[in-house]
Each structure stands twice: as structure tokens, then as C-alpha cells.
Amino acid sequence: MAGVLDSVNQRTQMVGKNRLELLLFRLRGRQIYGINVFKVKEVLQCPKLSSLPNSRPVVRGVAHSRGETIPIIDLSMAIGLPGIPQDELATSFVIITEYNRKTQGFLVTGVERIMNMNWEEILPPPKGAGKDVYLTAVTKIDDKLIEIIDVEKILSEVSPLGEDVTEAVLSKSAERVPGHLPVLVVDDSSVARRQIQRCLTAIGMEVVLKNDGKQAFEYLKEITADGSRAKDHFSLIISDVEMPEMDGYTLVTKVKDDPALSDMFVMLHTSLSGVFNQAMVKKVGADDFMAKFSPDELAERVMEIIDQG
């Protein structure tokens, strides 16, 4: 897997075309899982792990890679399955990823291959799956069900982020925000939707939530069918990038190409915090980009956007 990220430049050409590449892997058992290649920095044979005092059992230790000390999370254990046995670590793999401004490794039993796919083939989890499942999407490859894990949910449990806006920022919001139009928030992760809604509600903003780009775009077309413009209904749109059926890049492209929607301010707000995001944002015409998740930073930026009209 040494060359798993060799063709990054080729992958950036998929931006705005509603395509992604999934790295397929296994945990314990026969089920296959997937993760977006853009979040993967490296895949390696499980290195020697050093213990981390007072850490949760799901954190199997830390590894040293390329000058970084990286926590290694047993992905099986994180989603409620039995952990990988100690005597199998040497034959296991670690997927080094970047999420929410942090680097962490996910311990898996095997890495399969990379698949180039269309986001339309990536579907939300079954409605009857319940709120506590660790799935953000599913797809089928060669008639096999592939489960895409909600990593943001896992990280919120393993290494919780502060979700509250500080008093210093709240004090600035009192006279700046009330009376403004709502914010449309688009994100397939229930954890991320909750975090953003909590942040914006704290500064006095109303929030409308949609689960993916397709749902959001259809909603925008519906509310502007009377001849109104999106700006008559919302102050701005905050959208995730990775979403089933229609990703955030494609949503931006479609919004900016539609006369009734094109002057809407769109911020991409994503856990894809790698070095390629700024170029991608410019390519699809988004107005702003922010890596998840800093409640103060998000609140401050939303207030700035509203101040600028």
C-alpha cells in the first residue's frame, strides 16, 4: 500500500463532478468498510505501539510516524465490535488520517483496494438503523454491501471537542445577529449537525438542517419556485463536503450555476482539512472554507459574513 496516495493530482480532477475514491478495508469479520481517500495520509503495517497512560481502551497506543506521535484507535472496538487481539497487531494495518485538524490512526485487520465511485452510488443508512449506529452511508460494490463509518461520531466519543461558544464571543453576538435570516446547514453526520446547530443557536441564529447536498438543492429549488431568490430566505449556507448522493463540491457548483441561487454565500465546512482544500474551494466557486470544528471560529465567521451583508 506504499503507493496508495501517489495519484493525488488525478484525484483533484474529480472535484465538482460528484465523484470520490474509497479506500476499502476490513475489521474483524467479513464485512467491508470504506473511507474517503482524501482523508488518508498513509497506510502502513501496524508499527510498534507505545502505551498511553490513562487513555481509553479503544486507544491501543501511540505510534511514531514522520516526526509525529499519533494515537492509534482500534476501529473495531470504537464501533462496538471486539477489539483486534494483541497477538494479531503485527499482521494488522494502520490507516493514518486527518480529520478535524487532527491526525490519528485507525487500526484495521486488512486493507483491500481503492474504488473510484460516484456519490450518487453512496446512499444514506437504512432509516430503521437507529440513531446509535456508526454509519454515515452505505454502498454496494460487486454485490457486497460496503459500510462507510461515521468517523466524526467516533472521534466525538474518543476525543471530545469543546462544543460551546465562549462567553467572549457570545458577548459580541447580542447586538449583531438578531433579526437576520436563518442559516441552511447541510451535513450527513448527526454529530456535526448537532454541533453546528448548537453553535449558531448560541449566537441567536435560526438553523434549517438538511442531510445531504441533493436534499438541500431540491429544497432550495422548491422555496425559490415562486420567483424569490435564495438570499430572500437564508443568510448563508454552511455545507459539509462528504455527503451521500450529492457531495458539497457538487452542491456549490449547482448553486452557483442557478440564477435564483447564485448570489447565495456558501461556506464549505469540512473535516477534510488537508492541503488541497483551498484549491478545491476556488475550483467550484465556494465563498469560504473552514475546517471543522471550532465553535468560536465558526460563530465569529458567521457574524462577519452577516455584517458584510
C-alpha atoms as a PDB file:
ATOM      1  CA  MET A   1       0.000   0.000   0.000  1.00  0.00           C
ATOM      2  CA  ALA A   2       3.043   2.288  -0.194  1.00  0.00           C
ATOM      3  CA  GLY A   3       1.672   3.999  -3.298  1.00  0.00           C
ATOM      4  CA  VAL A   4      -1.875   4.441  -2.058  1.00  0.00           C
ATOM      5  CA  LEU A   5      -1.683   8.246  -2.342  1.00  0.00           C
ATOM      6  CA  ASP A   6       0.551   8.510  -5.413  1.00  0.00           C
ATOM      7  CA  SER A   7      -2.094   9.981  -7.733  1.00  0.00           C
ATOM      8  CA  VAL A   8      -3.436  12.877  -5.645  1.00  0.00           C
ATOM      9  CA  ASN A   9      -3.334  15.270  -8.597  1.00  0.00           C
ATOM     10  CA  GLN A  10      -5.557  12.935 -10.575  1.00  0.00           C
ATOM     11  CA  ARG A  11      -7.986  12.747  -7.671  1.00  0.00           C
ATOM     12  CA  THR A  12      -8.374  16.527  -7.505  1.00  0.00           C
ATOM     13  CA  GLN A  13      -9.801  16.379 -11.025  1.00  0.00           C
ATOM     14  CA  MET A  14     -12.901  14.697  -9.558  1.00  0.00           C
ATOM     15  CA  VAL A  15     -13.815  17.827  -7.610  1.00  0.00           C
ATOM     16  CA  GLY A  16     -17.197  19.193  -8.667  1.00  0.00           C
ATOM     17  CA  LYS A  17     -18.003  16.006 -10.590  1.00  0.00           C
ATOM     18  CA  ASN A  18     -19.714  14.288  -7.645  1.00  0.00           C
ATOM     19  CA  ARG A  19     -17.065  11.575  -7.542  1.00  0.00           C
ATOM     20  CA  LEU A  20     -14.890  10.140  -4.801  1.00  0.00           C
ATOM     21  CA  GLU A  21     -12.429   7.352  -4.198  1.00  0.00           C
ATOM     22  CA  LEU A  22     -12.998   4.937  -1.357  1.00  0.00           C
ATOM     23  CA  LEU A  23     -10.253   3.002   0.370  1.00  0.00           C
ATOM     24  CA  LEU A  24     -11.825  -0.343   1.271  1.00  0.00           C
ATOM     25  CA  PHE A  25     -10.752  -2.180   4.417  1.00  0.00           C
ATOM     26  CA  ARG A  26     -11.830  -4.893   6.826  1.00  0.00           C
ATOM     27  CA  LEU A  27     -12.209  -5.054  10.566  1.00  0.00           C
ATOM     28  CA  ARG A  28     -12.870  -8.336  12.327  1.00  0.00           C
ATOM     29  CA  GLY A  29     -15.133 -10.492  10.188  1.00  0.00           C
ATOM     30  CA  ARG A  30     -16.094 -10.420   6.519  1.00  0.00           C
ATOM     31  CA  GLN A  31     -17.806  -7.015   6.365  1.00  0.00           C
ATOM     32  CA  ILE A  32     -16.040  -4.450   4.161  1.00  0.00           C
ATOM     33  CA  TYR A  33     -15.866  -0.769   5.135  1.00  0.00           C
ATOM     34  CA  GLY A  34     -14.837   2.345   3.255  1.00  0.00           C
ATOM     35  CA  ILE A  35     -13.139   5.678   3.912  1.00  0.00           C
ATOM     36  CA  ASN A  36     -12.647   8.631   1.542  1.00  0.00           C
ATOM     37  CA  VAL A  37      -9.092   8.567   0.175  1.00  0.00           C
ATOM     38  CA  PHE A  38      -8.825  12.349   0.619  1.00  0.00           C
ATOM     39  CA  LYS A  39      -8.781  11.781   4.374  1.00  0.00           C
ATOM     40  CA  VAL A  40      -5.989   9.221   4.187  1.00  0.00           C
ATOM     41  CA  LYS A  41      -2.391  10.375   4.642  1.00  0.00           C
ATOM     42  CA  GLU A  42      -0.744   6.971   4.700  1.00  0.00           C
ATOM     43  CA  VAL A  43      -1.417   3.248   5.088  1.00  0.00           C
ATOM     44  CA  LEU A  44       1.186   1.126   6.860  1.00  0.00           C
ATOM     45  CA  GLN A  45       1.708  -2.177   8.557  1.00  0.00           C
ATOM     46  CA  CYS A  46       0.919  -1.715  12.222  1.00  0.00           C
ATOM     47  CA  PRO A  47       4.088  -0.337  13.832  1.00  0.00           C
ATOM     48  CA  LYS A  48       5.180  -0.949  17.381  1.00  0.00           C
ATOM     49  CA  LEU A  49       2.738   0.833  19.668  1.00  0.00           C
ATOM     50  CA  SER A  50       3.689   2.611  22.866  1.00  0.00           C
ATOM     51  CA  SER A  51       1.140   2.615  25.678  1.00  0.00           C
ATOM     52  CA  LEU A  52      -0.633   5.845  26.534  1.00  0.00           C
ATOM     53  CA  PRO A  53      -1.319   6.144  30.288  1.00  0.00           C
ATOM     54  CA  ASN A  54      -4.912   6.893  31.318  1.00  0.00           C
ATOM     55  CA  SER A  55      -6.193   6.574  27.750  1.00  0.00           C
ATOM     56  CA  ARG A  56      -9.447   4.874  26.855  1.00  0.00           C
ATOM     57  CA  PRO A  57      -9.260   1.148  25.960  1.00  0.00           C
ATOM     58  CA  VAL A  58     -10.206   1.994  22.365  1.00  0.00           C
ATOM     59  CA  VAL A  59      -6.880   3.848  22.012  1.00  0.00           C
ATOM     60  CA  ARG A  60      -4.440   0.961  21.631  1.00  0.00           C
ATOM     61  CA  GLY A  61      -1.389   3.190  21.977  1.00  0.00           C
ATOM     62  CA  VAL A  62       0.617   5.749  20.053  1.00  0.00           C
ATOM     63  CA  ALA A  63       2.860   5.307  17.019  1.00  0.00           C
ATOM     64  CA  HIS A  64       5.695   7.486  15.784  1.00  0.00           C
ATOM     65  CA  SER A  65       5.486   8.276  12.065  1.00  0.00           C
ATOM     66  CA  ARG A  66       7.193  11.008  10.044  1.00  0.00           C
ATOM     67  CA  GLY A  67       8.067  13.042  13.103  1.00  0.00           C
ATOM     68  CA  GLU A  68       4.557  12.847  14.615  1.00  0.00           C
ATOM     69  CA  THR A  69       3.229  10.985  17.633  1.00  0.00           C
ATOM     70  CA  ILE A  70      -0.125   9.620  16.524  1.00  0.00           C
ATOM     71  CA  PRO A  71      -2.858   7.988  18.646  1.00  0.00           C
ATOM     72  CA  ILE A  72      -3.950   4.645  17.219  1.00  0.00           C
ATOM     73  CA  ILE A  73      -7.660   3.895  17.593  1.00  0.00           C
ATOM     74  CA  ASP A  74      -8.949   0.323  17.344  1.00  0.00           C
ATOM     75  CA  LEU A  75     -11.762   0.915  14.856  1.00  0.00           C
ATOM     76  CA  SER A  76     -13.432  -2.422  15.654  1.00  0.00           C
ATOM     77  CA  MET A  77     -13.687  -1.542  19.324  1.00  0.00           C
ATOM     78  CA  ALA A  78     -14.803   2.011  18.520  1.00  0.00           C
ATOM     79  CA  ILE A  79     -17.938   0.781  16.753  1.00  0.00           C
ATOM     80  CA  GLY A  80     -18.829  -1.794  19.398  1.00  0.00           C
ATOM     81  CA  LEU A  81     -17.156  -4.902  17.991  1.00  0.00           C
ATOM     82  CA  PRO A  82     -14.480  -6.978  19.769  1.00  0.00           C
ATOM     83  CA  GLY A  83     -11.073  -5.354  19.548  1.00  0.00           C
ATOM     84  CA  ILE A  84      -8.201  -6.755  17.493  1.00  0.00           C
ATOM     85  CA  PRO A  85      -6.292  -9.289  19.654  1.00  0.00           C
ATOM     86  CA  GLN A  86      -2.829  -8.251  20.804  1.00  0.00           C
ATOM     87  CA  ASP A  87      -1.211 -11.177  19.008  1.00  0.00           C
ATOM     88  CA  GLU A  88      -2.734 -10.033  15.679  1.00  0.00           C
ATOM     89  CA  LEU A  89      -1.407  -6.467  15.793  1.00  0.00           C
ATOM     90  CA  ALA A  90       1.761  -7.321  13.859  1.00  0.00           C
ATOM     91  CA  THR A  91      -0.306  -8.507  10.869  1.00  0.00           C
ATOM     92  CA  SER A  92      -2.796  -5.635  11.074  1.00  0.00           C
ATOM     93  CA  PHE A  93      -2.689  -2.253   9.327  1.00  0.00           C
ATOM     94  CA  VAL A  94      -2.978   1.363  10.408  1.00  0.00           C
ATOM     95  CA  ILE A  95      -4.757   3.931   8.228  1.00  0.00           C
ATOM     96  CA  ILE A  96      -3.278   7.343   9.099  1.00  0.00           C
ATOM     97  CA  THR A  97      -5.964  10.003   8.585  1.00  0.00           C
ATOM     98  CA  GLU A  98      -6.551  13.708   9.021  1.00  0.00           C
ATOM     99  CA  TYR A  99      -9.910  14.714  10.493  1.00  0.00           C
ATOM    100  CA  ASN A 100     -10.991  17.917  12.160  1.00  0.00           C
ATOM    101  CA  ARG A 101      -7.475  19.418  12.208  1.00  0.00           C
ATOM    102  CA  LYS A 102      -6.000  16.350  13.915  1.00  0.00           C
ATOM    103  CA  THR A 103      -4.039  13.320  12.767  1.00  0.00           C
ATOM    104  CA  GLN A 104      -4.952   9.878  14.078  1.00  0.00           C
ATOM    105  CA  GLY A 105      -4.504   6.282  13.007  1.00  0.00           C
ATOM    106  CA  PHE A 106      -7.239   3.680  12.701  1.00  0.00           C
ATOM    107  CA  LEU A 107      -6.257   0.095  13.396  1.00  0.00           C
ATOM    108  CA  VAL A 108      -7.836  -2.359  10.907  1.00  0.00           C
ATOM    109  CA  THR A 109      -7.238  -6.026  10.130  1.00  0.00           C
ATOM    110  CA  GLY A 110      -6.820  -5.680   6.367  1.00  0.00           C
ATOM    111  CA  VAL A 111      -6.759  -3.162   3.519  1.00  0.00           C
ATOM    112  CA  GLU A 112      -8.408  -4.168   0.235  1.00  0.00           C
ATOM    113  CA  ARG A 113      -8.228  -1.674  -2.658  1.00  0.00           C
ATOM    114  CA  ILE A 114      -9.264   1.774  -3.844  1.00  0.00           C
ATOM    115  CA  MET A 115     -12.550   2.211  -5.750  1.00  0.00           C
ATOM    116  CA  ASN A 116     -13.464   5.220  -7.892  1.00  0.00           C
ATOM    117  CA  MET A 117     -17.173   5.910  -7.390  1.00  0.00           C
ATOM    118  CA  ASN A 118     -19.945   8.430  -7.926  1.00  0.00           C
ATOM    119  CA  TRP A 119     -21.509   9.984  -4.823  1.00  0.00           C
ATOM    120  CA  GLU A 120     -24.918   9.078  -6.292  1.00  0.00           C
ATOM    121  CA  GLU A 121     -23.978   5.455  -5.573  1.00  0.00           C
ATOM    122  CA  ILE A 122     -23.374   6.333  -1.900  1.00  0.00           C
ATOM    123  CA  LEU A 123     -26.661   6.178  -0.009  1.00  0.00           C
ATOM    124  CA  PRO A 124     -27.766   7.186   3.496  1.00  0.00           C
ATOM    125  CA  PRO A 125     -28.017   4.355   6.041  1.00  0.00           C
ATOM    126  CA  PRO A 126     -31.348   2.488   6.159  1.00  0.00           C
ATOM    127  CA  LYS A 127     -33.962   4.517   8.043  1.00  0.00           C
ATOM    128  CA  GLY A 128     -34.545   1.715  10.522  1.00  0.00           C
ATOM    129  CA  ALA A 129     -30.877   1.558  11.517  1.00  0.00           C
ATOM    130  CA  GLY A 130     -31.434   3.776  14.552  1.00  0.00           C
ATOM    131  CA  LYS A 131     -29.569   6.784  15.931  1.00  0.00           C
ATOM    132  CA  ASP A 132     -26.771   4.907  17.665  1.00  0.00           C
ATOM    133  CA  VAL A 133     -25.232   3.199  14.641  1.00  0.00           C
ATOM    134  CA  TYR A 134     -21.793   4.297  13.470  1.00  0.00           C
ATOM    135  CA  LEU A 135     -22.738   4.511   9.790  1.00  0.00           C
ATOM    136  CA  THR A 136     -22.882   7.692   7.770  1.00  0.00           C
ATOM    137  CA  ALA A 137     -23.549   5.965   4.409  1.00  0.00           C
ATOM    138  CA  VAL A 138     -23.645   2.639   2.566  1.00  0.00           C
ATOM    139  CA  THR A 139     -22.960   1.482  -0.978  1.00  0.00           C
ATOM    140  CA  LYS A 140     -22.644  -1.723  -2.986  1.00  0.00           C
ATOM    141  CA  ILE A 141     -19.559  -2.963  -4.810  1.00  0.00           C
ATOM    142  CA  ASP A 142     -19.637  -6.315  -6.632  1.00  0.00           C
ATOM    143  CA  ASP A 143     -22.976  -7.004  -4.899  1.00  0.00           C
ATOM    144  CA  LYS A 144     -21.346  -6.612  -1.493  1.00  0.00           C
ATOM    145  CA  LEU A 145     -22.600  -4.041   0.995  1.00  0.00           C
ATOM    146  CA  ILE A 146     -19.913  -1.502   1.917  1.00  0.00           C
ATOM    147  CA  GLU A 147     -20.402   0.429   5.142  1.00  0.00           C
ATOM    148  CA  ILE A 148     -18.957   3.946   5.484  1.00  0.00           C
ATOM    149  CA  ILE A 149     -18.307   4.690   9.137  1.00  0.00           C
ATOM    150  CA  ASP A 150     -19.256   7.972  10.787  1.00  0.00           C
ATOM    151  CA  VAL A 151     -15.745   8.863  11.929  1.00  0.00           C
ATOM    152  CA  GLU A 152     -16.906  12.191  13.373  1.00  0.00           C
ATOM    153  CA  LYS A 153     -19.183  10.307  15.750  1.00  0.00           C
ATOM    154  CA  ILE A 154     -16.308   8.060  16.810  1.00  0.00           C
ATOM    155  CA  LEU A 155     -13.920  10.965  17.384  1.00  0.00           C
ATOM    156  CA  SER A 156     -16.552  12.895  19.336  1.00  0.00           C
ATOM    157  CA  GLU A 157     -16.673   9.937  21.753  1.00  0.00           C
ATOM    158  CA  VAL A 158     -12.963   9.076  21.857  1.00  0.00           C
ATOM    159  CA  SER A 159     -11.601  12.632  21.900  1.00  0.00           C
ATOM    160  CA  PRO A 160     -14.479  15.060  22.519  1.00  0.00           C
ATOM    161  CA  LEU A 161     -14.149  18.596  21.197  1.00  0.00           C
ATOM    162  CA  GLY A 162     -15.409  21.639  23.031  1.00  0.00           C
ATOM    163  CA  GLU A 163     -18.805  22.394  21.517  1.00  0.00           C
ATOM    164  CA  ASP A 164     -19.758  25.589  23.343  1.00  0.00           C
ATOM    165  CA  VAL A 165     -19.167  29.140  22.158  1.00  0.00           C
ATOM    166  CA  THR A 166     -17.167  31.060  24.773  1.00  0.00           C
ATOM    167  CA  GLU A 167     -18.596  33.975  26.708  1.00  0.00           C
ATOM    168  CA  ALA A 168     -16.210  36.355  24.978  1.00  0.00           C
ATOM    169  CA  VAL A 169     -17.740  35.533  21.586  1.00  0.00           C
ATOM    170  CA  LEU A 170     -21.297  35.382  22.924  1.00  0.00           C
ATOM    171  CA  SER A 171     -20.951  38.929  24.255  1.00  0.00           C
ATOM    172  CA  LYS A 172     -20.225  40.158  20.732  1.00  0.00           C
ATOM    173  CA  SER A 173     -23.268  38.451  19.257  1.00  0.00           C
ATOM    174  CA  ALA A 174     -26.021  40.119  21.282  1.00  0.00           C
ATOM    175  CA  GLU A 175     -26.419  43.205  19.091  1.00  0.00           C
ATOM    176  CA  ARG A 176     -25.082  41.736  15.843  1.00  0.00           C
ATOM    177  CA  VAL A 177     -27.192  38.719  14.969  1.00  0.00           C
ATOM    178  CA  PRO A 178     -30.902  39.015  15.991  1.00  0.00           C
ATOM    179  CA  GLY A 179     -33.329  39.704  13.171  1.00  0.00           C
ATOM    180  CA  HIS A 180     -31.254  38.043  10.439  1.00  0.00           C
ATOM    181  CA  LEU A 181     -32.417  35.273   8.148  1.00  0.00           C
ATOM    182  CA  PRO A 182     -31.718  31.644   9.119  1.00  0.00           C
ATOM    183  CA  VAL A 183     -28.662  29.611   8.133  1.00  0.00           C
ATOM    184  CA  LEU A 184     -29.061  26.498   5.986  1.00  0.00           C
ATOM    185  CA  VAL A 185     -26.778  23.760   7.363  1.00  0.00           C
ATOM    186  CA  VAL A 186     -26.072  20.705   5.195  1.00  0.00           C
ATOM    187  CA  ASP A 187     -24.254  17.735   6.726  1.00  0.00           C
ATOM    188  CA  ASP A 188     -24.780  13.977   6.705  1.00  0.00           C
ATOM    189  CA  SER A 189     -23.287  13.459  10.189  1.00  0.00           C
ATOM    190  CA  SER A 190     -25.813  13.789  13.002  1.00  0.00           C
ATOM    191  CA  VAL A 191     -22.949  14.731  15.329  1.00  0.00           C
ATOM    192  CA  ALA A 192     -21.791  17.545  13.042  1.00  0.00           C
ATOM    193  CA  ARG A 193     -25.350  18.853  12.558  1.00  0.00           C
ATOM    194  CA  ARG A 194     -25.813  18.965  16.320  1.00  0.00           C
ATOM    195  CA  GLN A 195     -22.504  20.750  16.861  1.00  0.00           C
ATOM    196  CA  ILE A 196     -23.170  23.412  14.238  1.00  0.00           C
ATOM    197  CA  GLN A 197     -26.766  23.963  15.326  1.00  0.00           C
ATOM    198  CA  ARG A 198     -25.699  24.354  18.956  1.00  0.00           C
ATOM    199  CA  CYS A 199     -23.028  26.880  17.954  1.00  0.00           C
ATOM    200  CA  LEU A 200     -25.305  29.004  15.763  1.00  0.00           C
ATOM    201  CA  THR A 201     -28.260  28.878  18.130  1.00  0.00           C
ATOM    202  CA  ALA A 202     -25.989  30.197  20.890  1.00  0.00           C
ATOM    203  CA  ILE A 203     -25.377  33.381  18.893  1.00  0.00           C
ATOM    204  CA  GLY A 204     -29.058  33.845  18.126  1.00  0.00           C
ATOM    205  CA  MET A 205     -29.293  32.316  14.662  1.00  0.00           C
ATOM    206  CA  GLU A 206     -32.143  30.154  13.436  1.00  0.00           C
ATOM    207  CA  VAL A 207     -30.983  26.996  11.674  1.00  0.00           C
ATOM    208  CA  VAL A 208     -32.538  24.804   8.987  1.00  0.00           C
ATOM    209  CA  LEU A 209     -30.927  21.338   8.716  1.00  0.00           C
ATOM    210  CA  LYS A 210     -30.571  19.117   5.640  1.00  0.00           C
ATOM    211  CA  ASN A 211     -28.795  15.770   5.495  1.00  0.00           C
ATOM    212  CA  ASP A 212     -27.078  15.882   2.084  1.00  0.00           C
ATOM    213  CA  GLY A 213     -26.457  18.025  -0.970  1.00  0.00           C
ATOM    214  CA  LYS A 214     -29.276  16.553  -3.038  1.00  0.00           C
ATOM    215  CA  GLN A 215     -31.815  17.184  -0.285  1.00  0.00           C
ATOM    216  CA  ALA A 216     -30.535  20.746   0.176  1.00  0.00           C
ATOM    217  CA  PHE A 217     -30.554  21.583  -3.540  1.00  0.00           C
ATOM    218  CA  GLU A 218     -34.085  20.251  -4.036  1.00  0.00           C
ATOM    219  CA  TYR A 219     -35.222  22.278  -1.014  1.00  0.00           C
ATOM    220  CA  LEU A 220     -33.629  25.467  -2.389  1.00  0.00           C
ATOM    221  CA  LYS A 221     -35.310  24.926  -5.762  1.00  0.00           C
ATOM    222  CA  GLU A 222     -38.643  24.370  -4.024  1.00  0.00           C
ATOM    223  CA  ILE A 223     -38.536  27.569  -1.938  1.00  0.00           C
ATOM    224  CA  THR A 224     -37.435  29.697  -4.916  1.00  0.00           C
ATOM    225  CA  ALA A 225     -40.046  28.281  -7.303  1.00  0.00           C
ATOM    226  CA  ASP A 226     -42.233  31.331  -6.597  1.00  0.00           C
ATOM    227  CA  GLY A 227     -39.663  33.634  -8.205  1.00  0.00           C
ATOM    228  CA  SER A 228     -37.887  34.554  -4.988  1.00  0.00           C
ATOM    229  CA  ARG A 229     -34.128  34.197  -4.513  1.00  0.00           C
ATOM    230  CA  ALA A 230     -32.288  32.044  -2.022  1.00  0.00           C
ATOM    231  CA  LYS A 231     -30.989  35.229  -0.358  1.00  0.00           C
ATOM    232  CA  ASP A 232     -34.609  36.103   0.497  1.00  0.00           C
ATOM    233  CA  HIS A 233     -34.725  33.010   2.706  1.00  0.00           C
ATOM    234  CA  PHE A 234     -31.227  32.444   4.149  1.00  0.00           C
ATOM    235  CA  SER A 235     -28.270  34.451   5.384  1.00  0.00           C
ATOM    236  CA  LEU A 236     -25.853  31.805   4.132  1.00  0.00           C
ATOM    237  CA  ILE A 237     -25.346  28.087   3.518  1.00  0.00           C
ATOM    238  CA  ILE A 238     -22.876  26.026   5.543  1.00  0.00           C
ATOM    239  CA  SER A 239     -22.200  22.706   3.847  1.00  0.00           C
ATOM    240  CA  ASP A 240     -20.119  19.631   4.527  1.00  0.00           C
ATOM    241  CA  VAL A 241     -18.134  18.177   1.608  1.00  0.00           C
ATOM    242  CA  GLU A 242     -18.522  14.416   2.029  1.00  0.00           C
ATOM    243  CA  MET A 243     -22.196  13.511   1.705  1.00  0.00           C
ATOM    244  CA  PRO A 244     -24.133  10.664   0.073  1.00  0.00           C
ATOM    245  CA  GLU A 245     -25.974  11.232  -3.215  1.00  0.00           C
ATOM    246  CA  MET A 246     -24.522  14.725  -3.799  1.00  0.00           C
ATOM    247  CA  ASP A 247     -21.296  15.999  -2.255  1.00  0.00           C
ATOM    248  CA  GLY A 248     -20.656  19.555  -1.095  1.00  0.00           C
ATOM    249  CA  TYR A 249     -18.478  20.476  -4.069  1.00  0.00           C
ATOM    250  CA  THR A 250     -21.240  19.486  -6.476  1.00  0.00           C
ATOM    251  CA  LEU A 251     -23.837  21.325  -4.390  1.00  0.00           C
ATOM    252  CA  VAL A 252     -21.758  24.523  -4.646  1.00  0.00           C
ATOM    253  CA  THR A 253     -21.360  24.085  -8.408  1.00  0.00           C
ATOM    254  CA  LYS A 254     -25.116  23.627  -8.892  1.00  0.00           C
ATOM    255  CA  VAL A 255     -25.969  26.556  -6.598  1.00  0.00           C
ATOM    256  CA  LYS A 256     -23.561  28.904  -8.379  1.00  0.00           C
ATOM    257  CA  ASP A 257     -24.904  27.832 -11.800  1.00  0.00           C
ATOM    258  CA  ASP A 258     -28.538  28.559 -10.880  1.00  0.00           C
ATOM    259  CA  PRO A 259     -29.674  32.187 -11.344  1.00  0.00           C
ATOM    260  CA  ALA A 260     -32.054  32.050  -8.362  1.00  0.00           C
ATOM    261  CA  LEU A 261     -29.323  30.707  -6.062  1.00  0.00           C
ATOM    262  CA  SER A 262     -26.042  32.010  -7.456  1.00  0.00           C
ATOM    263  CA  ASP A 263     -25.641  35.035  -5.157  1.00  0.00           C
ATOM    264  CA  MET A 264     -26.044  32.879  -2.031  1.00  0.00           C
ATOM    265  CA  PHE A 265     -22.985  32.866   0.232  1.00  0.00           C
ATOM    266  CA  VAL A 266     -21.756  29.258   0.592  1.00  0.00           C
ATOM    267  CA  MET A 267     -19.199  28.150   3.166  1.00  0.00           C
ATOM    268  CA  LEU A 268     -17.744  24.659   2.970  1.00  0.00           C
ATOM    269  CA  HIS A 269     -17.232  23.362   6.497  1.00  0.00           C
ATOM    270  CA  THR A 270     -15.482  20.037   6.461  1.00  0.00           C
ATOM    271  CA  SER A 271     -13.339  17.565   8.359  1.00  0.00           C
ATOM    272  CA  LEU A 272     -11.295  17.263   5.149  1.00  0.00           C
ATOM    273  CA  SER A 273      -8.616  19.583   6.461  1.00  0.00           C
ATOM    274  CA  GLY A 274      -5.823  18.631   4.065  1.00  0.00           C
ATOM    275  CA  VAL A 275      -3.685  20.890   1.913  1.00  0.00           C
ATOM    276  CA  PHE A 276      -5.799  20.570  -1.226  1.00  0.00           C
ATOM    277  CA  ASN A 277      -8.977  22.142   0.098  1.00  0.00           C
ATOM    278  CA  GLN A 278      -8.259  25.778  -0.773  1.00  0.00           C
ATOM    279  CA  ALA A 279      -7.650  24.868  -4.418  1.00  0.00           C
ATOM    280  CA  MET A 280     -10.815  22.783  -4.471  1.00  0.00           C
ATOM    281  CA  VAL A 281     -12.884  25.593  -2.950  1.00  0.00           C
ATOM    282  CA  LYS A 282     -11.699  28.018  -5.634  1.00  0.00           C
ATOM    283  CA  LYS A 283     -12.352  25.490  -8.363  1.00  0.00           C
ATOM    284  CA  VAL A 284     -16.029  25.022  -7.501  1.00  0.00           C
ATOM    285  CA  GLY A 285     -16.633  28.703  -6.628  1.00  0.00           C
ATOM    286  CA  ALA A 286     -17.391  28.439  -2.904  1.00  0.00           C
ATOM    287  CA  ASP A 287     -17.222  31.721  -0.994  1.00  0.00           C
ATOM    288  CA  ASP A 288     -15.372  30.410   2.039  1.00  0.00           C
ATOM    289  CA  PHE A 289     -13.867  27.305   3.609  1.00  0.00           C
ATOM    290  CA  MET A 290     -13.397  26.308   7.236  1.00  0.00           C
ATOM    291  CA  ALA A 291     -12.017  23.103   8.738  1.00  0.00           C
ATOM    292  CA  LYS A 292     -14.164  21.506  11.446  1.00  0.00           C
ATOM    293  CA  PHE A 293     -14.744  22.163  14.295  1.00  0.00           C
ATOM    294  CA  SER A 294     -14.088  25.305  16.292  1.00  0.00           C
ATOM    295  CA  PRO A 295     -17.307  26.785  17.715  1.00  0.00           C
ATOM    296  CA  ASP A 296     -15.734  30.187  18.382  1.00  0.00           C
ATOM    297  CA  GLU A 297     -14.175  30.383  14.941  1.00  0.00           C
ATOM    298  CA  LEU A 298     -17.403  29.339  13.241  1.00  0.00           C
ATOM    299  CA  ALA A 299     -19.507  31.780  15.284  1.00  0.00           C
ATOM    300  CA  GLU A 300     -17.088  34.661  14.594  1.00  0.00           C
ATOM    301  CA  ARG A 301     -17.010  33.905  10.879  1.00  0.00           C
ATOM    302  CA  VAL A 302     -20.793  33.690  10.586  1.00  0.00           C
ATOM    303  CA  MET A 303     -21.124  37.055  12.337  1.00  0.00           C
ATOM    304  CA  GLU A 304     -18.563  38.570   9.946  1.00  0.00           C
ATOM    305  CA  ILE A 305     -20.451  37.248   6.917  1.00  0.00           C
ATOM    306  CA  ILE A 306     -23.712  38.691   8.233  1.00  0.00           C
ATOM    307  CA  ASP A 307     -22.033  42.037   8.972  1.00  0.00           C
ATOM    308  CA  GLN A 308     -20.793  42.142   5.380  1.00  0.00           C
ATOM    309  CA  GLY A 309     -24.343  41.614   4.157  1.00  0.00           C
END
